[in-house]
Amino acid sequence: MAKKKTTNVTSNTNIHAGKGAVISLIISHSETSTQTVTLYDNVIASGTVLGSFKCSPEASPRQIIFPPDYYMRFETGLTVEPGNCTVLISSIGN
Protein backbone atom coordinates (compact mmCIF):
# COMPACT_ATOMS: atom_id res chain seq x y z
CA MET A 1 0.00 0.00 0.00
CA ALA A 2 1.26 3.47 -0.89
CA LYS A 3 2.37 5.68 1.97
CA LYS A 4 1.88 9.43 2.22
CA LYS A 5 5.01 11.28 3.31
CA THR A 6 5.81 14.87 4.08
CA THR A 7 9.54 15.52 3.82
CA ASN A 8 11.59 18.63 4.50
CA VAL A 9 14.43 18.78 1.94
CA THR A 10 17.52 21.02 2.12
CA SER A 11 19.94 18.95 0.00
CA ASN A 12 19.62 16.40 -2.82
CA THR A 13 17.29 13.77 -1.37
CA ASN A 14 15.70 10.57 -2.66
CA ILE A 15 12.23 10.37 -1.13
CA HIS A 16 10.77 7.30 -2.85
CA ALA A 17 11.97 4.35 -4.90
CA GLY A 18 9.32 3.02 -7.28
CA LYS A 19 5.99 4.50 -8.37
CA GLY A 20 4.16 7.34 -6.70
CA ALA A 21 2.98 10.92 -7.00
CA VAL A 22 3.77 14.41 -5.76
CA ILE A 23 0.85 16.06 -3.96
CA SER A 24 2.27 19.47 -3.04
CA LEU A 25 5.39 21.60 -2.55
CA ILE A 26 6.24 24.58 -0.39
CA ILE A 27 9.44 26.24 -1.57
CA SER A 28 11.20 28.87 0.52
CA HIS A 29 14.57 30.61 0.55
CA SER A 30 16.29 33.76 1.75
CA GLU A 31 18.47 34.33 -1.32
CA THR A 32 18.43 37.65 -3.24
CA SER A 33 17.91 35.98 -6.63
CA THR A 34 15.41 33.52 -8.09
CA GLN A 35 16.14 29.92 -7.10
CA THR A 36 15.21 26.67 -8.86
CA VAL A 37 14.01 23.35 -7.43
CA THR A 38 14.12 20.28 -9.70
CA LEU A 39 12.23 17.00 -9.21
CA TYR A 40 13.49 13.83 -10.90
CA ASP A 41 11.77 10.55 -11.76
CA ASN A 42 14.79 8.64 -10.49
CA VAL A 43 16.49 7.50 -7.29
CA ILE A 44 19.29 10.03 -7.88
CA ALA A 45 19.29 13.67 -9.00
CA SER A 46 19.66 12.98 -12.73
CA GLY A 47 17.72 11.51 -15.62
CA THR A 48 14.07 12.26 -16.30
CA VAL A 49 12.99 15.65 -14.98
CA LEU A 50 9.45 15.64 -13.57
CA GLY A 51 9.40 19.36 -13.09
CA SER A 52 11.46 22.42 -12.41
CA PHE A 53 10.06 25.20 -10.22
CA LYS A 54 11.41 28.72 -9.84
CA CYS A 55 10.90 30.81 -6.74
CA SER A 56 11.78 34.51 -6.68
CA PRO A 57 12.67 36.25 -3.41
CA GLU A 58 9.37 38.15 -3.54
CA ALA A 59 7.39 34.90 -3.94
CA SER A 60 9.06 33.00 -1.10
CA PRO A 61 7.47 30.94 0.30
CA ARG A 62 5.79 29.54 -2.81
CA GLN A 63 3.11 26.89 -2.40
CA ILE A 64 2.13 24.52 -5.22
CA ILE A 65 -0.78 22.12 -4.71
CA PHE A 66 -1.70 19.56 -7.36
CA PRO A 67 -5.36 18.46 -7.51
CA PRO A 68 -5.69 14.62 -7.39
CA ASP A 69 -6.33 14.33 -11.14
CA TYR A 70 -3.11 16.27 -11.78
CA TYR A 71 -0.72 14.79 -9.20
CA MET A 72 2.82 14.77 -10.60
CA ARG A 73 3.34 11.02 -11.12
CA PHE A 74 6.70 9.22 -11.12
CA GLU A 75 7.62 5.64 -12.09
CA THR A 76 11.23 5.01 -11.02
CA GLY A 77 11.43 7.12 -7.88
CA LEU A 78 11.32 10.67 -6.57
CA THR A 79 14.46 12.70 -5.96
CA VAL A 80 14.49 16.41 -5.11
CA GLU A 81 17.34 18.78 -5.96
CA PRO A 82 16.47 21.89 -3.91
CA GLY A 83 19.27 24.24 -4.97
CA ASN A 84 19.51 26.92 -2.26
CA CYS A 85 15.93 26.33 -1.11
CA THR A 86 14.13 24.49 1.60
CA VAL A 87 11.35 22.34 0.14
CA LEU A 88 8.50 20.80 2.11
CA ILE A 89 7.14 18.12 -0.21
CA SER A 90 4.09 15.89 0.27
CA SER A 91 4.05 12.72 -1.78
CA ILE A 92 2.65 9.21 -2.06
CA GLY A 93 4.83 6.21 -2.84
CA ASN A 94 6.29 2.91 -1.68
PDB file of N, CA and C in Angstrom:
ATOM      1  N   MET A   1       0.843  -1.180   0.000  1.00  0.00           N
ATOM      2  CA  MET A   1       0.000   0.000   0.000  1.00  0.00           C
ATOM      3  C   MET A   1       0.888   1.243   0.000  1.00  0.00           C
ATOM      4  N   ALA A   2       0.496   2.226  -0.770  1.00  0.00           N
ATOM      5  CA  ALA A   2       1.256   3.475  -0.887  1.00  0.00           C
ATOM      6  C   ALA A   2       1.176   4.251   0.419  1.00  0.00           C
ATOM      7  N   LYS A   3       2.289   4.904   0.744  1.00  0.00           N
ATOM      8  CA  LYS A   3       2.372   5.682   1.970  1.00  0.00           C
ATOM      9  C   LYS A   3       2.498   7.165   1.635  1.00  0.00           C
ATOM     10  N   LYS A   4       1.757   7.979   2.368  1.00  0.00           N
ATOM     11  CA  LYS A   4       1.877   9.427   2.217  1.00  0.00           C
ATOM     12  C   LYS A   4       3.015   9.894   3.116  1.00  0.00           C
ATOM     13  N   LYS A   5       3.886  10.744   2.564  1.00  0.00           N
ATOM     14  CA  LYS A   5       5.014  11.276   3.314  1.00  0.00           C
ATOM     15  C   LYS A   5       5.069  12.777   3.136  1.00  0.00           C
ATOM     16  N   THR A   6       5.477  13.466   4.177  1.00  0.00           N
ATOM     17  CA  THR A   6       5.809  14.874   4.082  1.00  0.00           C
ATOM     18  C   THR A   6       7.262  14.987   4.508  1.00  0.00           C
ATOM     19  N   THR A   7       8.098  15.512   3.614  1.00  0.00           N
ATOM     20  CA  THR A   7       9.537  15.524   3.819  1.00  0.00           C
ATOM     21  C   THR A   7      10.076  16.934   3.663  1.00  0.00           C
ATOM     22  N   ASN A   8      10.918  17.345   4.588  1.00  0.00           N
ATOM     23  CA  ASN A   8      11.593  18.634   4.503  1.00  0.00           C
ATOM     24  C   ASN A   8      12.959  18.399   3.860  1.00  0.00           C
ATOM     25  N   VAL A   9      13.217  19.028   2.718  1.00  0.00           N
ATOM     26  CA  VAL A   9      14.428  18.775   1.940  1.00  0.00           C
ATOM     27  C   VAL A   9      15.289  20.038   1.880  1.00  0.00           C
ATOM     28  N   THR A  10      16.582  19.897   2.226  1.00  0.00           N
ATOM     29  CA  THR A  10      17.516  21.019   2.125  1.00  0.00           C
ATOM     30  C   THR A  10      18.748  20.669   1.289  1.00  0.00           C
ATOM     31  N   SER A  11      18.864  19.395   0.893  1.00  0.00           N
ATOM     32  CA  SER A  11      19.944  18.948   0.005  1.00  0.00           C
ATOM     33  C   SER A  11      19.383  17.838  -0.877  1.00  0.00           C
ATOM     34  N   ASN A  12      20.114  17.443  -1.916  1.00  0.00           N
ATOM     35  CA  ASN A  12      19.616  16.401  -2.819  1.00  0.00           C
ATOM     36  C   ASN A  12      19.155  15.199  -1.999  1.00  0.00           C
ATOM     37  N   THR A  13      17.882  14.814  -2.191  1.00  0.00           N
ATOM     38  CA  THR A  13      17.290  13.767  -1.367  1.00  0.00           C
ATOM     39  C   THR A  13      16.405  12.862  -2.208  1.00  0.00           C
ATOM     40  N   ASN A  14      16.617  11.551  -2.069  1.00  0.00           N
ATOM     41  CA  ASN A  14      15.704  10.570  -2.659  1.00  0.00           C
ATOM     42  C   ASN A  14      14.608  10.316  -1.630  1.00  0.00           C
ATOM     43  N   ILE A  15      13.369  10.532  -2.044  1.00  0.00           N
ATOM     44  CA  ILE A  15      12.234  10.374  -1.132  1.00  0.00           C
ATOM     45  C   ILE A  15      11.557   9.028  -1.314  1.00  0.00           C
ATOM     46  N   HIS A  16      11.419   8.578  -2.564  1.00  0.00           N
ATOM     47  CA  HIS A  16      10.768   7.302  -2.849  1.00  0.00           C
ATOM     48  C   HIS A  16      11.555   6.543  -3.905  1.00  0.00           C
ATOM     49  N   ALA A  17      11.527   5.231  -3.817  1.00  0.00           N
ATOM     50  CA  ALA A  17      11.968   4.353  -4.902  1.00  0.00           C
ATOM     51  C   ALA A  17      10.707   3.665  -5.406  1.00  0.00           C
ATOM     52  N   GLY A  18      10.522   3.606  -6.707  1.00  0.00           N
ATOM     53  CA  GLY A  18       9.319   3.023  -7.277  1.00  0.00           C
ATOM     54  C   GLY A  18       8.293   4.084  -7.622  1.00  0.00           C
ATOM     55  N   LYS A  19       7.068   3.622  -7.900  1.00  0.00           N
ATOM     56  CA  LYS A  19       5.991   4.497  -8.367  1.00  0.00           C
ATOM     57  C   LYS A  19       5.396   5.331  -7.254  1.00  0.00           C
ATOM     58  N   GLY A  20       4.849   6.484  -7.644  1.00  0.00           N
ATOM     59  CA  GLY A  20       4.164   7.342  -6.700  1.00  0.00           C
ATOM     60  C   GLY A  20       3.739   8.637  -7.341  1.00  0.00           C
ATOM     61  N   ALA A  21       3.451   9.626  -6.497  1.00  0.00           N
ATOM     62  CA  ALA A  21       2.984  10.916  -6.999  1.00  0.00           C
ATOM     63  C   ALA A  21       3.316  12.020  -6.009  1.00  0.00           C
ATOM     64  N   VAL A  22       3.553  13.212  -6.560  1.00  0.00           N
ATOM     65  CA  VAL A  22       3.769  14.411  -5.758  1.00  0.00           C
ATOM     66  C   VAL A  22       2.413  15.085  -5.555  1.00  0.00           C
ATOM     67  N   ILE A  23       2.111  15.423  -4.308  1.00  0.00           N
ATOM     68  CA  ILE A  23       0.846  16.059  -3.963  1.00  0.00           C
ATOM     69  C   ILE A  23       1.002  17.581  -3.884  1.00  0.00           C
ATOM     70  N   SER A  24       2.075  18.029  -3.208  1.00  0.00           N
ATOM     71  CA  SER A  24       2.273  19.468  -3.043  1.00  0.00           C
ATOM     72  C   SER A  24       3.722  19.794  -2.702  1.00  0.00           C
ATOM     73  N   LEU A  25       4.063  21.069  -2.876  1.00  0.00           N
ATOM     74  CA  LEU A  25       5.391  21.597  -2.550  1.00  0.00           C
ATOM     75  C   LEU A  25       5.224  22.945  -1.870  1.00  0.00           C
ATOM     76  N   ILE A  26       6.080  23.228  -0.902  1.00  0.00           N
ATOM     77  CA  ILE A  26       6.236  24.576  -0.385  1.00  0.00           C
ATOM     78  C   ILE A  26       7.725  24.876  -0.494  1.00  0.00           C
ATOM     79  N   ILE A  27       8.050  25.879  -1.296  1.00  0.00           N
ATOM     80  CA  ILE A  27       9.441  26.238  -1.568  1.00  0.00           C
ATOM     81  C   ILE A  27       9.727  27.560  -0.878  1.00  0.00           C
ATOM     82  N   SER A  28      10.819  27.612  -0.113  1.00  0.00           N
ATOM     83  CA  SER A  28      11.204  28.874   0.522  1.00  0.00           C
ATOM     84  C   SER A  28      12.719  29.042   0.479  1.00  0.00           C
ATOM     85  N   HIS A  29      13.138  30.296   0.508  1.00  0.00           N
ATOM     86  CA  HIS A  29      14.569  30.610   0.547  1.00  0.00           C
ATOM     87  C   HIS A  29      14.751  32.055   0.968  1.00  0.00           C
ATOM     88  N   SER A  30      15.979  32.393   1.349  1.00  0.00           N
ATOM     89  CA  SER A  30      16.292  33.764   1.748  1.00  0.00           C
ATOM     90  C   SER A  30      17.349  34.386   0.838  1.00  0.00           C
ATOM     91  N   GLU A  31      17.499  33.820  -0.356  1.00  0.00           N
ATOM     92  CA  GLU A  31      18.468  34.333  -1.324  1.00  0.00           C
ATOM     93  C   GLU A  31      17.947  35.627  -1.960  1.00  0.00           C
ATOM     94  N   THR A  32      18.838  36.389  -2.592  1.00  0.00           N
ATOM     95  CA  THR A  32      18.431  37.645  -3.238  1.00  0.00           C
ATOM     96  C   THR A  32      18.069  37.467  -4.706  1.00  0.00           C
ATOM     97  N   SER A  33      18.248  36.249  -5.227  1.00  0.00           N
ATOM     98  CA  SER A  33      17.907  35.980  -6.626  1.00  0.00           C
ATOM     99  C   SER A  33      16.962  34.783  -6.709  1.00  0.00           C
ATOM    100  N   THR A  34      16.337  34.629  -7.861  1.00  0.00           N
ATOM    101  CA  THR A  34      15.412  33.516  -8.093  1.00  0.00           C
ATOM    102  C   THR A  34      16.158  32.193  -7.992  1.00  0.00           C
ATOM    103  N   GLN A  35      15.558  31.238  -7.300  1.00  0.00           N
ATOM    104  CA  GLN A  35      16.144  29.916  -7.104  1.00  0.00           C
ATOM    105  C   GLN A  35      15.282  28.870  -7.815  1.00  0.00           C
ATOM    106  N   THR A  36      15.906  27.732  -8.138  1.00  0.00           N
ATOM    107  CA  THR A  36      15.213  26.666  -8.864  1.00  0.00           C
ATOM    108  C   THR A  36      15.268  25.364  -8.089  1.00  0.00           C
ATOM    109  N   VAL A  37      14.135  24.681  -8.024  1.00  0.00           N
ATOM    110  CA  VAL A  37      14.011  23.347  -7.434  1.00  0.00           C
ATOM    111  C   VAL A  37      13.672  22.393  -8.567  1.00  0.00           C
ATOM    112  N   THR A  38      14.369  21.257  -8.635  1.00  0.00           N
ATOM    113  CA  THR A  38      14.120  20.280  -9.696  1.00  0.00           C
ATOM    114  C   THR A  38      13.735  18.941  -9.077  1.00  0.00           C
ATOM    115  N   LEU A  39      12.675  18.333  -9.624  1.00  0.00           N
ATOM    116  CA  LEU A  39      12.225  17.002  -9.209  1.00  0.00           C
ATOM    117  C   LEU A  39      12.553  16.016 -10.311  1.00  0.00           C
ATOM    118  N   TYR A  40      13.102  14.861  -9.932  1.00  0.00           N
ATOM    119  CA  TYR A  40      13.494  13.830 -10.898  1.00  0.00           C
ATOM    120  C   TYR A  40      12.691  12.555 -10.688  1.00  0.00           C
ATOM    121  N   ASP A  41      12.359  11.895 -11.793  1.00  0.00           N
ATOM    122  CA  ASP A  41      11.774  10.553 -11.762  1.00  0.00           C
ATOM    123  C   ASP A  41      12.946   9.584 -11.766  1.00  0.00           C
ATOM    124  N   ASN A  42      13.594   9.462 -10.613  1.00  0.00           N
ATOM    125  CA  ASN A  42      14.793   8.642 -10.492  1.00  0.00           C
ATOM    126  C   ASN A  42      15.128   8.516  -9.007  1.00  0.00           C
ATOM    127  N   VAL A  43      16.038   7.633  -8.665  1.00  0.00           N
ATOM    128  CA  VAL A  43      16.485   7.496  -7.285  1.00  0.00           C
ATOM    129  C   VAL A  43      17.717   8.349  -7.003  1.00  0.00           C
ATOM    130  N   ILE A  44      18.204   9.058  -8.024  1.00  0.00           N
ATOM    131  CA  ILE A  44      19.289  10.029  -7.880  1.00  0.00           C
ATOM    132  C   ILE A  44      18.889  11.297  -8.631  1.00  0.00           C
ATOM    133  N   ALA A  45      19.615  12.381  -8.389  1.00  0.00           N
ATOM    134  CA  ALA A  45      19.286  13.670  -9.001  1.00  0.00           C
ATOM    135  C   ALA A  45      19.842  13.767 -10.414  1.00  0.00           C
ATOM    136  N   SER A  46      19.327  12.928 -11.304  1.00  0.00           N
ATOM    137  CA  SER A  46      19.660  12.975 -12.735  1.00  0.00           C
ATOM    138  C   SER A  46      18.623  12.167 -13.484  1.00  0.00           C
ATOM    139  N   GLY A  47      18.660  12.280 -14.805  1.00  0.00           N
ATOM    140  CA  GLY A  47      17.725  11.512 -15.624  1.00  0.00           C
ATOM    141  C   GLY A  47      16.485  12.317 -15.965  1.00  0.00           C
ATOM    142  N   THR A  48      15.337  11.657 -15.901  1.00  0.00           N
ATOM    143  CA  THR A  48      14.071  12.259 -16.304  1.00  0.00           C
ATOM    144  C   THR A  48      13.630  13.334 -15.313  1.00  0.00           C
ATOM    145  N   VAL A  49      13.453  14.542 -15.807  1.00  0.00           N
ATOM    146  CA  VAL A  49      12.987  15.651 -14.977  1.00  0.00           C
ATOM    147  C   VAL A  49      11.458  15.629 -14.945  1.00  0.00           C
ATOM    148  N   LEU A  50      10.906  15.554 -13.739  1.00  0.00           N
ATOM    149  CA  LEU A  50       9.450  15.636 -13.571  1.00  0.00           C
ATOM    150  C   LEU A  50       8.988  17.082 -13.677  1.00  0.00           C
ATOM    151  N   GLY A  51       9.766  17.963 -13.078  1.00  0.00           N
ATOM    152  CA  GLY A  51       9.398  19.364 -13.092  1.00  0.00           C
ATOM    153  C   GLY A  51      10.500  20.210 -12.499  1.00  0.00           C
ATOM    154  N   SER A  52      10.490  21.455 -12.900  1.00  0.00           N
ATOM    155  CA  SER A  52      11.457  22.423 -12.408  1.00  0.00           C
ATOM    156  C   SER A  52      10.659  23.657 -11.994  1.00  0.00           C
ATOM    157  N   PHE A  53      10.858  24.118 -10.760  1.00  0.00           N
ATOM    158  CA  PHE A  53      10.059  25.199 -10.218  1.00  0.00           C
ATOM    159  C   PHE A  53      10.960  26.342  -9.770  1.00  0.00           C
ATOM    160  N   LYS A  54      10.644  27.543 -10.209  1.00  0.00           N
ATOM    161  CA  LYS A  54      11.412  28.719  -9.835  1.00  0.00           C
ATOM    162  C   LYS A  54      10.678  29.454  -8.713  1.00  0.00           C
ATOM    163  N   CYS A  55      11.477  30.053  -7.840  1.00  0.00           N
ATOM    164  CA  CYS A  55      10.905  30.813  -6.741  1.00  0.00           C
ATOM    165  C   CYS A  55      11.722  32.086  -6.571  1.00  0.00           C
ATOM    166  N   SER A  56      11.101  33.227  -6.835  1.00  0.00           N
ATOM    167  CA  SER A  56      11.780  34.512  -6.678  1.00  0.00           C
ATOM    168  C   SER A  56      11.781  34.901  -5.199  1.00  0.00           C
ATOM    169  N   PRO A  57      12.659  35.812  -4.808  1.00  0.00           N
ATOM    170  CA  PRO A  57      12.671  36.254  -3.410  1.00  0.00           C
ATOM    171  C   PRO A  57      11.318  36.822  -2.965  1.00  0.00           C
ATOM    172  N   GLU A  58      10.660  37.538  -3.872  1.00  0.00           N
ATOM    173  CA  GLU A  58       9.369  38.145  -3.544  1.00  0.00           C
ATOM    174  C   GLU A  58       8.267  37.105  -3.362  1.00  0.00           C
ATOM    175  N   ALA A  59       8.421  35.942  -3.982  1.00  0.00           N
ATOM    176  CA  ALA A  59       7.389  34.904  -3.941  1.00  0.00           C
ATOM    177  C   ALA A  59       7.654  33.837  -2.882  1.00  0.00           C
ATOM    178  N   SER A  60       8.714  33.998  -2.103  1.00  0.00           N
ATOM    179  CA  SER A  60       9.061  32.995  -1.102  1.00  0.00           C
ATOM    180  C   SER A  60       8.317  33.277   0.197  1.00  0.00           C
ATOM    181  N   PRO A  61       7.606  32.311   0.749  1.00  0.00           N
ATOM    182  CA  PRO A  61       7.475  30.935   0.298  1.00  0.00           C
ATOM    183  C   PRO A  61       6.441  30.799  -0.820  1.00  0.00           C
ATOM    184  N   ARG A  62       6.691  29.829  -1.690  1.00  0.00           N
ATOM    185  CA  ARG A  62       5.795  29.536  -2.815  1.00  0.00           C
ATOM    186  C   ARG A  62       5.158  28.180  -2.563  1.00  0.00           C
ATOM    187  N   GLN A  63       3.838  28.133  -2.606  1.00  0.00           N
ATOM    188  CA  GLN A  63       3.111  26.886  -2.397  1.00  0.00           C
ATOM    189  C   GLN A  63       2.504  26.423  -3.717  1.00  0.00           C
ATOM    190  N   ILE A  64       2.686  25.132  -4.007  1.00  0.00           N
ATOM    191  CA  ILE A  64       2.128  24.523  -5.219  1.00  0.00           C
ATOM    192  C   ILE A  64       1.358  23.285  -4.776  1.00  0.00           C
ATOM    193  N   ILE A  65       0.063  23.253  -5.068  1.00  0.00           N
ATOM    194  CA  ILE A  65      -0.781  22.116  -4.705  1.00  0.00           C
ATOM    195  C   ILE A  65      -1.359  21.539  -5.987  1.00  0.00           C
ATOM    196  N   PHE A  66      -1.173  20.236  -6.177  1.00  0.00           N
ATOM    197  CA  PHE A  66      -1.699  19.555  -7.357  1.00  0.00           C
ATOM    198  C   PHE A  66      -3.029  18.896  -6.998  1.00  0.00           C
ATOM    199  N   PRO A  67      -4.111  19.181  -7.734  1.00  0.00           N
ATOM    200  CA  PRO A  67      -5.365  18.456  -7.514  1.00  0.00           C
ATOM    201  C   PRO A  67      -5.154  16.965  -7.830  1.00  0.00           C
ATOM    202  N   PRO A  68      -5.912  16.062  -7.198  1.00  0.00           N
ATOM    203  CA  PRO A  68      -5.690  14.620  -7.392  1.00  0.00           C
ATOM    204  C   PRO A  68      -5.599  14.168  -8.855  1.00  0.00           C
ATOM    205  N   ASP A  69      -6.392  14.731  -9.726  1.00  0.00           N
ATOM    206  CA  ASP A  69      -6.327  14.327 -11.137  1.00  0.00           C
ATOM    207  C   ASP A  69      -5.041  14.785 -11.815  1.00  0.00           C
ATOM    208  N   TYR A  70      -4.322  15.706 -11.185  1.00  0.00           N
ATOM    209  CA  TYR A  70      -3.105  16.272 -11.776  1.00  0.00           C
ATOM    210  C   TYR A  70      -1.866  16.075 -10.907  1.00  0.00           C
ATOM    211  N   TYR A  71      -1.926  15.099  -9.977  1.00  0.00           N
ATOM    212  CA  TYR A  71      -0.723  14.785  -9.197  1.00  0.00           C
ATOM    213  C   TYR A  71       0.436  14.559 -10.162  1.00  0.00           C
ATOM    214  N   MET A  72       1.626  14.968  -9.779  1.00  0.00           N
ATOM    215  CA  MET A  72       2.816  14.775 -10.603  1.00  0.00           C
ATOM    216  C   MET A  72       3.310  13.335 -10.352  1.00  0.00           C
ATOM    217  N   ARG A  73       3.059  12.452 -11.300  1.00  0.00           N
ATOM    218  CA  ARG A  73       3.341  11.022 -11.115  1.00  0.00           C
ATOM    219  C   ARG A  73       4.766  10.664 -11.532  1.00  0.00           C
ATOM    220  N   PHE A  74       5.362   9.724 -10.788  1.00  0.00           N
ATOM    221  CA  PHE A  74       6.699   9.216 -11.115  1.00  0.00           C
ATOM    222  C   PHE A  74       6.666   7.696 -11.142  1.00  0.00           C
ATOM    223  N   GLU A  75       7.565   7.093 -11.904  1.00  0.00           N
ATOM    224  CA  GLU A  75       7.616   5.640 -12.094  1.00  0.00           C
ATOM    225  C   GLU A  75       8.817   4.989 -11.408  1.00  0.00           C
ATOM    226  N   THR A  76       9.989   5.608 -11.521  1.00  0.00           N
ATOM    227  CA  THR A  76      11.234   5.011 -11.022  1.00  0.00           C
ATOM    228  C   THR A  76      11.506   5.396  -9.577  1.00  0.00           C
ATOM    229  N   GLY A  77      11.193   6.618  -9.220  1.00  0.00           N
ATOM    230  CA  GLY A  77      11.429   7.124  -7.877  1.00  0.00           C
ATOM    231  C   GLY A  77      11.254   8.625  -7.868  1.00  0.00           C
ATOM    232  N   LEU A  78      11.424   9.220  -6.702  1.00  0.00           N
ATOM    233  CA  LEU A  78      11.315  10.671  -6.571  1.00  0.00           C
ATOM    234  C   LEU A  78      12.553  11.191  -5.855  1.00  0.00           C
ATOM    235  N   THR A  79      13.297  12.041  -6.544  1.00  0.00           N
ATOM    236  CA  THR A  79      14.457  12.702  -5.956  1.00  0.00           C
ATOM    237  C   THR A  79      14.292  14.206  -6.148  1.00  0.00           C
ATOM    238  N   VAL A  80      14.605  14.956  -5.091  1.00  0.00           N
ATOM    239  CA  VAL A  80      14.486  16.412  -5.108  1.00  0.00           C
ATOM    240  C   VAL A  80      15.879  17.029  -5.052  1.00  0.00           C
ATOM    241  N   GLU A  81      16.122  17.966  -5.967  1.00  0.00           N
ATOM    242  CA  GLU A  81      17.337  18.780  -5.960  1.00  0.00           C
ATOM    243  C   GLU A  81      16.889  20.199  -5.614  1.00  0.00           C
ATOM    244  N   PRO A  82      17.063  20.639  -4.348  1.00  0.00           N
ATOM    245  CA  PRO A  82      16.473  21.895  -3.909  1.00  0.00           C
ATOM    246  C   PRO A  82      17.252  23.164  -4.226  1.00  0.00           C
ATOM    247  N   GLY A  83      18.460  23.039  -4.766  1.00  0.00           N
ATOM    248  CA  GLY A  83      19.265  24.238  -4.973  1.00  0.00           C
ATOM    249  C   GLY A  83      19.530  24.895  -3.630  1.00  0.00           C
ATOM    250  N   ASN A  84      19.315  26.196  -3.530  1.00  0.00           N
ATOM    251  CA  ASN A  84      19.506  26.923  -2.264  1.00  0.00           C
ATOM    252  C   ASN A  84      18.186  27.141  -1.541  1.00  0.00           C
ATOM    253  N   CYS A  85      17.264  26.205  -1.706  1.00  0.00           N
ATOM    254  CA  CYS A  85      15.932  26.329  -1.114  1.00  0.00           C
ATOM    255  C   CYS A  85      15.706  25.264  -0.055  1.00  0.00           C
ATOM    256  N   THR A  86      14.695  25.509   0.737  1.00  0.00           N
ATOM    257  CA  THR A  86      14.130  24.487   1.605  1.00  0.00           C
ATOM    258  C   THR A  86      12.798  24.112   0.969  1.00  0.00           C
ATOM    259  N   VAL A  87      12.564  22.809   0.805  1.00  0.00           N
ATOM    260  CA  VAL A  87      11.346  22.341   0.144  1.00  0.00           C
ATOM    261  C   VAL A  87      10.617  21.391   1.076  1.00  0.00           C
ATOM    262  N   LEU A  88       9.375  21.706   1.372  1.00  0.00           N
ATOM    263  CA  LEU A  88       8.499  20.802   2.111  1.00  0.00           C
ATOM    264  C   LEU A  88       7.641  20.127   1.048  1.00  0.00           C
ATOM    265  N   ILE A  89       7.822  18.816   0.882  1.00  0.00           N
ATOM    266  CA  ILE A  89       7.142  18.117  -0.207  1.00  0.00           C
ATOM    267  C   ILE A  89       6.254  17.011   0.371  1.00  0.00           C
ATOM    268  N   SER A  90       5.011  16.967  -0.086  1.00  0.00           N
ATOM    269  CA  SER A  90       4.085  15.894   0.273  1.00  0.00           C
ATOM    270  C   SER A  90       3.953  14.993  -0.936  1.00  0.00           C
ATOM    271  N   SER A  91       4.069  13.684  -0.686  1.00  0.00           N
ATOM    272  CA  SER A  91       4.050  12.720  -1.781  1.00  0.00           C
ATOM    273  C   SER A  91       3.472  11.397  -1.330  1.00  0.00           C
ATOM    274  N   ILE A  92       3.140  10.565  -2.300  1.00  0.00           N
ATOM    275  CA  ILE A  92       2.647   9.214  -2.059  1.00  0.00           C
ATOM    276  C   ILE A  92       3.573   8.274  -2.808  1.00  0.00           C
ATOM    277  N   GLY A  93       3.974   7.185  -2.170  1.00  0.00           N
ATOM    278  CA  GLY A  93       4.833   6.214  -2.839  1.00  0.00           C
ATOM    279  C   GLY A  93       5.063   5.008  -1.960  1.00  0.00           C
ATOM    280  N   ASN A  94       5.970   4.142  -2.424  1.00  0.00           N
ATOM    281  CA  ASN A  94       6.290   2.913  -1.682  1.00  0.00           C
ATOM    282  C   ASN A  94       7.104   3.215  -0.452  1.00  0.00           C
TER     283      ASN A  94
END
